[in-house]
N, C-alpha and C. Protein backbone atom coordinates (compact mmCIF):
# COMPACT_ATOMS: atom_id res chain seq x y z
N MET A 1 86.10 75.77 106.61
CA MET A 1 86.45 77.03 105.82
C MET A 1 87.51 77.73 106.48
N THR A 2 88.42 78.34 105.64
CA THR A 2 89.57 79.00 106.29
C THR A 2 89.39 80.53 106.40
N SER A 3 88.36 81.08 106.02
CA SER A 3 88.06 82.45 106.26
C SER A 3 86.73 82.58 107.07
N SER A 4 86.66 83.57 107.85
CA SER A 4 85.51 83.69 108.70
C SER A 4 85.30 85.23 109.01
N GLU A 5 84.06 85.47 109.25
CA GLU A 5 83.73 86.86 109.75
C GLU A 5 84.15 86.88 111.19
N ARG A 6 84.89 87.89 111.72
CA ARG A 6 85.12 87.99 113.17
C ARG A 6 84.84 89.49 113.42
N PRO A 7 84.68 89.80 114.69
CA PRO A 7 84.54 91.11 115.17
C PRO A 7 85.73 92.02 114.51
N GLY A 8 85.45 93.08 113.96
CA GLY A 8 86.52 93.93 113.21
C GLY A 8 86.77 93.58 111.87
N GLY A 9 86.08 92.50 111.31
CA GLY A 9 86.38 92.29 109.90
C GLY A 9 86.55 90.84 109.45
N VAL A 10 87.03 90.80 108.25
CA VAL A 10 87.24 89.53 107.57
C VAL A 10 88.59 88.99 107.98
N TYR A 11 88.82 87.69 108.23
CA TYR A 11 90.12 87.08 108.61
C TYR A 11 90.37 86.00 107.67
N TYR A 12 91.55 86.00 107.05
CA TYR A 12 92.06 84.91 106.27
C TYR A 12 93.11 84.32 106.94
N GLU A 13 93.05 83.01 107.10
CA GLU A 13 94.17 82.23 107.75
C GLU A 13 95.53 82.38 107.15
N ASN A 14 95.43 82.39 105.84
CA ASN A 14 96.61 82.37 105.05
C ASN A 14 96.38 82.92 103.60
N CYS A 15 97.36 83.08 102.90
CA CYS A 15 97.19 83.66 101.53
C CYS A 15 96.50 82.63 100.62
N ASP A 16 96.58 81.36 100.81
CA ASP A 16 95.85 80.33 100.10
C ASP A 16 94.31 80.61 100.26
N ALA A 17 93.94 80.82 101.51
CA ALA A 17 92.56 81.14 101.76
C ALA A 17 92.11 82.36 101.20
N ALA A 18 92.94 83.45 101.20
CA ALA A 18 92.52 84.82 100.59
C ALA A 18 92.37 84.53 99.17
N TRP A 19 93.35 83.89 98.44
CA TRP A 19 93.28 83.63 97.08
C TRP A 19 91.91 82.81 96.69
N ALA A 20 91.67 81.86 97.49
CA ALA A 20 90.47 80.96 97.26
C ALA A 20 89.21 81.73 97.36
N ALA A 21 89.20 82.84 98.21
CA ALA A 21 87.99 83.66 98.38
C ALA A 21 87.88 84.79 97.38
N GLY A 22 89.08 84.86 96.55
CA GLY A 22 88.99 86.00 95.55
C GLY A 22 89.33 87.30 96.12
N ALA A 23 89.99 87.26 97.22
CA ALA A 23 90.38 88.53 97.97
C ALA A 23 91.79 89.01 97.79
N ALA A 24 92.62 88.13 97.25
CA ALA A 24 94.13 88.41 97.16
C ALA A 24 94.30 88.96 95.71
N PRO A 25 95.33 89.93 95.63
CA PRO A 25 96.02 90.52 96.69
C PRO A 25 95.23 91.49 97.33
N MET A 26 95.69 91.94 98.62
CA MET A 26 95.04 92.85 99.49
C MET A 26 95.85 94.02 99.77
N GLU A 27 95.32 95.20 99.66
CA GLU A 27 96.04 96.45 100.09
C GLU A 27 95.80 96.64 101.59
N SER A 28 96.69 97.45 102.23
CA SER A 28 96.60 97.57 103.79
C SER A 28 95.20 98.22 104.20
N ASP A 29 94.59 98.83 103.33
CA ASP A 29 93.28 99.42 103.77
C ASP A 29 92.10 98.57 103.49
N GLU A 30 92.29 97.34 103.07
CA GLU A 30 91.14 96.42 102.61
C GLU A 30 90.86 95.46 103.69
N PRO A 31 89.61 94.96 103.79
CA PRO A 31 89.30 93.97 104.77
C PRO A 31 90.08 92.66 104.62
N GLY A 32 90.59 92.04 105.61
CA GLY A 32 91.43 90.83 105.49
C GLY A 32 92.89 91.00 105.63
N TYR A 33 93.33 92.30 105.30
CA TYR A 33 94.73 92.57 105.28
C TYR A 33 95.23 92.44 106.72
N ARG A 34 96.39 91.77 106.84
CA ARG A 34 97.12 91.90 108.16
C ARG A 34 98.73 91.73 107.74
N GLY A 35 99.42 92.30 108.62
CA GLY A 35 100.79 92.37 108.31
C GLY A 35 101.56 90.99 108.17
N GLU A 36 100.95 89.93 108.84
CA GLU A 36 101.67 88.70 108.68
C GLU A 36 101.48 87.98 107.30
N LEU A 37 100.56 88.58 106.56
CA LEU A 37 100.40 88.13 105.12
C LEU A 37 101.21 88.92 104.08
N ASP A 38 101.85 89.90 104.60
CA ASP A 38 102.57 90.92 103.74
C ASP A 38 104.02 90.57 103.80
N ARG A 39 104.54 89.66 102.97
CA ARG A 39 105.95 89.21 102.96
C ARG A 39 106.95 90.26 102.99
N ASP A 40 106.91 91.20 102.12
CA ASP A 40 107.83 92.22 101.85
C ASP A 40 107.54 93.60 102.48
N LYS A 41 106.40 93.51 103.35
CA LYS A 41 105.93 94.68 104.18
C LYS A 41 105.82 95.98 103.25
N ASP A 42 105.29 95.90 102.05
CA ASP A 42 105.05 97.04 101.25
C ASP A 42 103.68 97.53 101.13
N GLY A 43 102.74 96.94 101.97
CA GLY A 43 101.41 97.34 102.03
C GLY A 43 100.47 96.58 101.23
N THR A 44 100.95 95.52 100.50
CA THR A 44 100.13 94.66 99.74
C THR A 44 100.39 93.20 100.23
N ALA A 45 99.42 92.58 100.62
CA ALA A 45 99.53 91.24 101.23
C ALA A 45 99.13 90.14 100.06
N CYS A 46 99.64 89.04 100.20
CA CYS A 46 99.29 87.94 99.30
C CYS A 46 99.63 88.24 97.81
N GLU A 47 100.68 88.97 97.52
CA GLU A 47 101.04 89.24 96.15
C GLU A 47 101.29 87.89 95.39
N PRO A 48 101.00 87.85 94.02
CA PRO A 48 101.45 86.67 93.31
C PRO A 48 102.90 86.53 93.33
N ASP A 49 103.34 85.39 93.23
CA ASP A 49 104.85 85.09 93.07
C ASP A 49 105.29 85.68 91.77
N GLY A 50 106.55 86.25 91.96
CA GLY A 50 107.18 86.91 90.91
C GLY A 50 106.87 88.40 90.77
N SER A 51 106.11 88.89 91.65
CA SER A 51 105.87 90.38 91.67
C SER A 51 106.77 91.11 92.62
């Protein structure tokens, strides 16, 4: 499984994992968000292509 519970919250290895879990897109204040998943650094990670 590509997502797991870790101390401090939910972790998604990548955006595919976040989408598969139904968690994407994620805002910066939501569990699982991390800057590495936010391509354009606008506070929303794993945005659908074309947005």
